[in-house]
Every structure is written in structure tokens, then in C-alpha cells.
Amino acid sequence: MISDPRVHTRRWASRHPVYTGLLVGVLFYVVELVATGEALGTLPFAIGIGAIFALAALSQRRRRKKHNLPL
């Protein structure tokens, strides 16, 4: 049986929405910090990006529960 890695990624994100937002926010912050060297200027954007991804993961969790898909 061939498994689709996108399904596993979505399942992990729906199981751990806070970790998903935190990981994406930290990754965005580190990349922008290396690119620009400005520590405080990128922090609000990293928090915003992390919050957006956390909300997307929460909506994925609701969708999976609504359609009776496994988490």
C-alpha cells in the first residue's frame, strides 16, 4: 500500500495545531533573522504567521472530525 505523505502531514497538523503554529512561526523567524539581521522587526510577523498556521491546523482538525476522518 502506497501512502501519501500529504495525508500524514495533514493528520499530524490536525493532531498538534499549537505545535504546527509554533514550528512555522519559529522557522519563519529564524529565516528572516538570518536574511535581514533584524531581531525585533520580524517578531510580530513571525507571531502572525504562526497564528495563521495554527488556525489553519485547527480548521483542518474540525474538518476531519466533521467528515469522520481519522485524526
PDB file of N, CA and C in Angstrom:
ATOM      1  N   MET A   1       0.841  -1.181   0.000  1.00  0.00           N
ATOM      2  CA  MET A   1       0.000   0.000   0.000  1.00  0.00           C
ATOM      3  C   MET A   1       0.888   1.247   0.000  1.00  0.00           C
ATOM      4  N   ILE A   2       0.648   2.106  -0.936  1.00  0.00           N
ATOM      5  CA  ILE A   2       1.407   3.345  -1.041  1.00  0.00           C
ATOM      6  C   ILE A   2       0.663   4.422  -0.267  1.00  0.00           C
ATOM      7  N   SER A   3       1.377   5.072   0.636  1.00  0.00           N
ATOM      8  CA  SER A   3       0.736   6.119   1.433  1.00  0.00           C
ATOM      9  C   SER A   3       1.169   7.488   0.923  1.00  0.00           C
ATOM     10  N   ASP A   4       0.247   8.403   0.963  1.00  0.00           N
ATOM     11  CA  ASP A   4       0.500   9.754   0.503  1.00  0.00           C
ATOM     12  C   ASP A   4       1.082  10.576   1.660  1.00  0.00           C
ATOM     13  N   PRO A   5       2.286  11.149   1.510  1.00  0.00           N
ATOM     14  CA  PRO A   5       2.870  11.920   2.617  1.00  0.00           C
ATOM     15  C   PRO A   5       2.073  13.169   2.970  1.00  0.00           C
ATOM     16  N   ARG A   6       1.288  13.698   2.021  1.00  0.00           N
ATOM     17  CA  ARG A   6       0.479  14.877   2.318  1.00  0.00           C
ATOM     18  C   ARG A   6      -0.601  14.555   3.349  1.00  0.00           C
ATOM     19  N   VAL A   7      -1.135  13.329   3.294  1.00  0.00           N
ATOM     20  CA  VAL A   7      -2.161  12.928   4.253  1.00  0.00           C
ATOM     21  C   VAL A   7      -1.550  12.844   5.646  1.00  0.00           C
ATOM     22  N   HIS A   8      -0.360  12.291   5.747  1.00  0.00           N
ATOM     23  CA  HIS A   8       0.299  12.182   7.044  1.00  0.00           C
ATOM     24  C   HIS A   8       0.625  13.566   7.616  1.00  0.00           C
ATOM     25  N   THR A   9       1.021  14.487   6.757  1.00  0.00           N
ATOM     26  CA  THR A   9       1.311  15.846   7.208  1.00  0.00           C
ATOM     27  C   THR A   9       0.057  16.519   7.731  1.00  0.00           C
ATOM     28  N   ARG A  10      -1.046  16.364   7.017  1.00  0.00           N
ATOM     29  CA  ARG A  10      -2.311  16.964   7.457  1.00  0.00           C
ATOM     30  C   ARG A  10      -2.806  16.336   8.751  1.00  0.00           C
ATOM     31  N   ARG A  11      -2.631  15.028   8.878  1.00  0.00           N
ATOM     32  CA  ARG A  11      -3.063  14.359  10.103  1.00  0.00           C
ATOM     33  C   ARG A  11      -2.234  14.828  11.289  1.00  0.00           C
ATOM     34  N   TRP A  12      -0.915  14.964  11.099  1.00  0.00           N
ATOM     35  CA  TRP A  12      -0.069  15.425  12.194  1.00  0.00           C
ATOM     36  C   TRP A  12      -0.448  16.849  12.582  1.00  0.00           C
ATOM     37  N   ALA A  13      -0.680  17.698  11.581  1.00  0.00           N
ATOM     38  CA  ALA A  13      -1.043  19.085  11.859  1.00  0.00           C
ATOM     39  C   ALA A  13      -2.385  19.166  12.577  1.00  0.00           C
ATOM     40  N   SER A  14      -3.322  18.308  12.218  1.00  0.00           N
ATOM     41  CA  SER A  14      -4.619  18.354  12.892  1.00  0.00           C
ATOM     42  C   SER A  14      -4.539  17.791  14.302  1.00  0.00           C
ATOM     43  N   ARG A  15      -3.590  16.898  14.559  1.00  0.00           N
ATOM     44  CA  ARG A  15      -3.404  16.384  15.919  1.00  0.00           C
ATOM     45  C   ARG A  15      -2.698  17.392  16.808  1.00  0.00           C
ATOM     46  N   HIS A  16      -1.798  18.185  16.254  1.00  0.00           N
ATOM     47  CA  HIS A  16      -0.960  19.106  17.025  1.00  0.00           C
ATOM     48  C   HIS A  16      -1.014  20.521  16.434  1.00  0.00           C
ATOM     49  N   PRO A  17      -2.147  21.202  16.519  1.00  0.00           N
ATOM     50  CA  PRO A  17      -2.235  22.527  15.878  1.00  0.00           C
ATOM     51  C   PRO A  17      -1.356  23.586  16.540  1.00  0.00           C
ATOM     52  N   VAL A  18      -1.174  23.508  17.850  1.00  0.00           N
ATOM     53  CA  VAL A  18      -0.338  24.506  18.529  1.00  0.00           C
ATOM     54  C   VAL A  18       1.124  24.318  18.136  1.00  0.00           C
ATOM     55  N   TYR A  19       1.582  23.077  18.109  1.00  0.00           N
ATOM     56  CA  TYR A  19       2.962  22.806  17.697  1.00  0.00           C
ATOM     57  C   TYR A  19       3.190  23.225  16.241  1.00  0.00           C
ATOM     58  N   THR A  20       2.185  23.012  15.397  1.00  0.00           N
ATOM     59  CA  THR A  20       2.316  23.402  13.997  1.00  0.00           C
ATOM     60  C   THR A  20       2.535  24.911  13.874  1.00  0.00           C
ATOM     61  N   GLY A  21       1.712  25.681  14.561  1.00  0.00           N
ATOM     62  CA  GLY A  21       1.866  27.137  14.524  1.00  0.00           C
ATOM     63  C   GLY A  21       3.180  27.587  15.112  1.00  0.00           C
ATOM     64  N   LEU A  22       3.579  26.965  16.208  1.00  0.00           N
ATOM     65  CA  LEU A  22       4.835  27.324  16.850  1.00  0.00           C
ATOM     66  C   LEU A  22       6.032  26.999  15.958  1.00  0.00           C
ATOM     67  N   LEU A  23       6.038  25.833  15.353  1.00  0.00           N
ATOM     68  CA  LEU A  23       7.149  25.446  14.484  1.00  0.00           C
ATOM     69  C   LEU A  23       7.260  26.355  13.269  1.00  0.00           C
ATOM     70  N   VAL A  24       6.142  26.666  12.651  1.00  0.00           N
ATOM     71  CA  VAL A  24       6.178  27.528  11.468  1.00  0.00           C
ATOM     72  C   VAL A  24       6.603  28.941  11.858  1.00  0.00           C
ATOM     73  N   GLY A  25       6.105  29.440  12.981  1.00  0.00           N
ATOM     74  CA  GLY A  25       6.491  30.772  13.433  1.00  0.00           C
ATOM     75  C   GLY A  25       7.974  30.877  13.744  1.00  0.00           C
ATOM     76  N   VAL A  26       8.510  29.873  14.432  1.00  0.00           N
ATOM     77  CA  VAL A  26       9.942  29.876  14.769  1.00  0.00           C
ATOM     78  C   VAL A  26      10.784  29.741  13.502  1.00  0.00           C
ATOM     79  N   LEU A  27      10.359  28.869  12.592  1.00  0.00           N
ATOM     80  CA  LEU A  27      11.092  28.706  11.333  1.00  0.00           C
ATOM     81  C   LEU A  27      11.095  30.010  10.534  1.00  0.00           C
ATOM     82  N   PHE A  28       9.952  30.670  10.460  1.00  0.00           N
ATOM     83  CA  PHE A  28       9.876  31.951   9.753  1.00  0.00           C
ATOM     84  C   PHE A  28      10.769  32.994  10.419  1.00  0.00           C
ATOM     85  N   TYR A  29      10.762  33.022  11.741  1.00  0.00           N
ATOM     86  CA  TYR A  29      11.575  33.991  12.477  1.00  0.00           C
ATOM     87  C   TYR A  29      13.060  33.760  12.220  1.00  0.00           C
ATOM     88  N   VAL A  30      13.498  32.515  12.258  1.00  0.00           N
ATOM     89  CA  VAL A  30      14.919  32.213  12.054  1.00  0.00           C
ATOM     90  C   VAL A  30      15.348  32.560  10.633  1.00  0.00           C
ATOM     91  N   VAL A  31      14.523  32.226   9.659  1.00  0.00           N
ATOM     92  CA  VAL A  31      14.866  32.527   8.265  1.00  0.00           C
ATOM     93  C   VAL A  31      14.949  34.036   8.051  1.00  0.00           C
ATOM     94  N   GLU A  32      13.985  34.766   8.571  1.00  0.00           N
ATOM     95  CA  GLU A  32      14.018  36.224   8.418  1.00  0.00           C
ATOM     96  C   GLU A  32      15.149  36.861   9.219  1.00  0.00           C
ATOM     97  N   LEU A  33      15.469  36.292  10.363  1.00  0.00           N
ATOM     98  CA  LEU A  33      16.573  36.807  11.167  1.00  0.00           C
ATOM     99  C   LEU A  33      17.901  36.647  10.427  1.00  0.00           C
ATOM    100  N   VAL A  34      18.089  35.512   9.783  1.00  0.00           N
ATOM    101  CA  VAL A  34      19.309  35.286   9.012  1.00  0.00           C
ATOM    102  C   VAL A  34      19.334  36.197   7.787  1.00  0.00           C
ATOM    103  N   ALA A  35      18.184  36.385   7.156  1.00  0.00           N
ATOM    104  CA  ALA A  35      18.146  37.182   5.928  1.00  0.00           C
ATOM    105  C   ALA A  35      18.327  38.672   6.196  1.00  0.00           C
ATOM    106  N   THR A  36      17.690  39.191   7.252  1.00  0.00           N
ATOM    107  CA  THR A  36      17.724  40.632   7.472  1.00  0.00           C
ATOM    108  C   THR A  36      18.621  41.038   8.633  1.00  0.00           C
ATOM    109  N   GLY A  37      18.762  40.181   9.628  1.00  0.00           N
ATOM    110  CA  GLY A  37      19.560  40.512  10.797  1.00  0.00           C
ATOM    111  C   GLY A  37      18.830  41.394  11.800  1.00  0.00           C
ATOM    112  N   GLU A  38      17.559  41.615  11.589  1.00  0.00           N
ATOM    113  CA  GLU A  38      16.762  42.476  12.453  1.00  0.00           C
ATOM    114  C   GLU A  38      15.907  41.596  13.366  1.00  0.00           C
ATOM    115  N   ALA A  39      16.229  41.556  14.653  1.00  0.00           N
ATOM    116  CA  ALA A  39      15.581  40.611  15.570  1.00  0.00           C
ATOM    117  C   ALA A  39      14.166  41.036  15.945  1.00  0.00           C
ATOM    118  N   LEU A  40      13.974  42.279  16.321  1.00  0.00           N
ATOM    119  CA  LEU A  40      12.664  42.698  16.811  1.00  0.00           C
ATOM    120  C   LEU A  40      11.679  43.043  15.701  1.00  0.00           C
ATOM    121  N   GLY A  41      12.182  43.392  14.542  1.00  0.00           N
ATOM    122  CA  GLY A  41      11.293  43.766  13.445  1.00  0.00           C
ATOM    123  C   GLY A  41      10.525  42.605  12.866  1.00  0.00           C
ATOM    124  N   THR A  42      11.110  41.416  12.909  1.00  0.00           N
ATOM    125  CA  THR A  42      10.442  40.257  12.318  1.00  0.00           C
ATOM    126  C   THR A  42       9.590  39.488  13.319  1.00  0.00           C
ATOM    127  N   LEU A  43       9.712  39.788  14.593  1.00  0.00           N
ATOM    128  CA  LEU A  43       8.969  39.046  15.613  1.00  0.00           C
ATOM    129  C   LEU A  43       7.455  39.146  15.446  1.00  0.00           C
ATOM    130  N   PRO A  44       6.870  40.333  15.224  1.00  0.00           N
ATOM    131  CA  PRO A  44       5.410  40.375  15.040  1.00  0.00           C
ATOM    132  C   PRO A  44       4.938  39.594  13.821  1.00  0.00           C
ATOM    133  N   PHE A  45       5.724  39.614  12.756  1.00  0.00           N
ATOM    134  CA  PHE A  45       5.347  38.870  11.558  1.00  0.00           C
ATOM    135  C   PHE A  45       5.433  37.361  11.813  1.00  0.00           C
ATOM    136  N   ALA A  46       6.434  36.934  12.560  1.00  0.00           N
ATOM    137  CA  ALA A  46       6.568  35.509  12.888  1.00  0.00           C
ATOM    138  C   ALA A  46       5.405  35.051  13.757  1.00  0.00           C
ATOM    139  N   ILE A  47       4.997  35.882  14.705  1.00  0.00           N
ATOM    140  CA  ILE A  47       3.842  35.540  15.541  1.00  0.00           C
ATOM    141  C   ILE A  47       2.574  35.477  14.691  1.00  0.00           C
ATOM    142  N   GLY A  48       2.432  36.402  13.778  1.00  0.00           N
ATOM    143  CA  GLY A  48       1.264  36.400  12.887  1.00  0.00           C
ATOM    144  C   GLY A  48       1.217  35.180  11.987  1.00  0.00           C
ATOM    145  N   ILE A  49       2.341  34.841  11.385  1.00  0.00           N
ATOM    146  CA  ILE A  49       2.399  33.655  10.517  1.00  0.00           C
ATOM    147  C   ILE A  49       2.113  32.396  11.323  1.00  0.00           C
ATOM    148  N   GLY A  50       2.685  32.294  12.520  1.00  0.00           N
ATOM    149  CA  GLY A  50       2.430  31.131  13.378  1.00  0.00           C
ATOM    150  C   GLY A  50       0.970  31.030  13.758  1.00  0.00           C
ATOM    151  N   ALA A  51       0.333  32.153  14.059  1.00  0.00           N
ATOM    152  CA  ALA A  51      -1.088  32.144  14.408  1.00  0.00           C
ATOM    153  C   ALA A  51      -1.952  31.723  13.228  1.00  0.00           C
ATOM    154  N   ILE A  52      -1.609  32.178  12.044  1.00  0.00           N
ATOM    155  CA  ILE A  52      -2.364  31.788  10.849  1.00  0.00           C
ATOM    156  C   ILE A  52      -2.260  30.286  10.623  1.00  0.00           C
ATOM    157  N   PHE A  53      -1.057  29.729  10.754  1.00  0.00           N
ATOM    158  CA  PHE A  53      -0.896  28.298  10.551  1.00  0.00           C
ATOM    159  C   PHE A  53      -1.582  27.489  11.655  1.00  0.00           C
ATOM    160  N   ALA A  54      -1.578  27.987  12.883  1.00  0.00           N
ATOM    161  CA  ALA A  54      -2.277  27.300  13.972  1.00  0.00           C
ATOM    162  C   ALA A  54      -3.782  27.285  13.714  1.00  0.00           C
ATOM    163  N   LEU A  55      -4.329  28.407  13.249  1.00  0.00           N
ATOM    164  CA  LEU A  55      -5.756  28.448  12.926  1.00  0.00           C
ATOM    165  C   LEU A  55      -6.099  27.539  11.757  1.00  0.00           C
ATOM    166  N   ALA A  56      -5.213  27.453  10.770  1.00  0.00           N
ATOM    167  CA  ALA A  56      -5.440  26.542   9.650  1.00  0.00           C
ATOM    168  C   ALA A  56      -5.420  25.089  10.123  1.00  0.00           C
ATOM    169  N   ALA A  57      -4.525  24.758  11.049  1.00  0.00           N
ATOM    170  CA  ALA A  57      -4.471  23.400  11.582  1.00  0.00           C
ATOM    171  C   ALA A  57      -5.714  23.084  12.411  1.00  0.00           C
ATOM    172  N   LEU A  58      -6.204  24.077  13.165  1.00  0.00           N
ATOM    173  CA  LEU A  58      -7.445  23.868  13.918  1.00  0.00           C
ATOM    174  C   LEU A  58      -8.638  23.647  12.991  1.00  0.00           C
ATOM    175  N   SER A  59      -8.686  24.374  11.883  1.00  0.00           N
ATOM    176  CA  SER A  59      -9.777  24.162  10.933  1.00  0.00           C
ATOM    177  C   SER A  59      -9.649  22.803  10.248  1.00  0.00           C
ATOM    178  N   GLN A  60      -8.422  22.349  10.024  1.00  0.00           N
ATOM    179  CA  GLN A  60      -8.215  21.003   9.477  1.00  0.00           C
ATOM    180  C   GLN A  60      -8.718  19.947  10.457  1.00  0.00           C
ATOM    181  N   ARG A  61      -8.501  20.162  11.736  1.00  0.00           N
ATOM    182  CA  ARG A  61      -8.984  19.234  12.759  1.00  0.00           C
ATOM    183  C   ARG A  61     -10.514  19.180  12.772  1.00  0.00           C
ATOM    184  N   ARG A  62     -11.138  20.369  12.687  1.00  0.00           N
ATOM    185  CA  ARG A  62     -12.607  20.403  12.646  1.00  0.00           C
ATOM    186  C   ARG A  62     -13.136  19.711  11.407  1.00  0.00           C
ATOM    187  N   ARG A  63     -12.471  19.918  10.262  1.00  0.00           N
ATOM    188  CA  ARG A  63     -12.918  19.293   9.014  1.00  0.00           C
ATOM    189  C   ARG A  63     -12.824  17.781   9.105  1.00  0.00           C
ATOM    190  N   ARG A  64     -11.713  17.278   9.677  1.00  0.00           N
ATOM    191  CA  ARG A  64     -11.536  15.838   9.778  1.00  0.00           C
ATOM    192  C   ARG A  64     -12.582  15.216  10.709  1.00  0.00           C
ATOM    193  N   LYS A  65     -12.903  15.917  11.794  1.00  0.00           N
ATOM    194  CA  LYS A  65     -13.938  15.400  12.698  1.00  0.00           C
ATOM    195  C   LYS A  65     -15.319  15.459  12.065  1.00  0.00           C
ATOM    196  N   LYS A  66     -15.583  16.513  11.304  1.00  0.00           N
ATOM    197  CA  LYS A  66     -16.890  16.673  10.671  1.00  0.00           C
ATOM    198  C   LYS A  66     -17.162  15.573   9.651  1.00  0.00           C
ATOM    199  N   HIS A  67     -16.130  15.172   8.914  1.00  0.00           N
ATOM    200  CA  HIS A  67     -16.283  14.146   7.872  1.00  0.00           C
ATOM    201  C   HIS A  67     -15.917  12.756   8.353  1.00  0.00           C
ATOM    202  N   ASN A  68     -15.757  12.593   9.675  1.00  0.00           N
ATOM    203  CA  ASN A  68     -15.441  11.298  10.294  1.00  0.00           C
ATOM    204  C   ASN A  68     -14.181  10.671   9.714  1.00  0.00           C
ATOM    205  N   LEU A  69     -13.172  11.493   9.479  1.00  0.00           N
ATOM    206  CA  LEU A  69     -11.866  11.006   9.037  1.00  0.00           C
ATOM    207  C   LEU A  69     -10.997  10.774  10.256  1.00  0.00           C
ATOM    208  N   PRO A  70     -10.092   9.819  10.212  1.00  0.00           N
ATOM    209  CA  PRO A  70      -9.252   9.572  11.410  1.00  0.00           C
ATOM    210  C   PRO A  70      -8.281  10.726  11.652  1.00  0.00           C
ATOM    211  N   LEU A  71      -8.050  10.994  12.922  1.00  0.00           N
ATOM    212  CA  LEU A  71      -7.095  12.045  13.298  1.00  0.00           C
ATOM    213  C   LEU A  71      -5.708  11.507  13.388  1.00  0.00           C
TER     214      LEU A  71
END
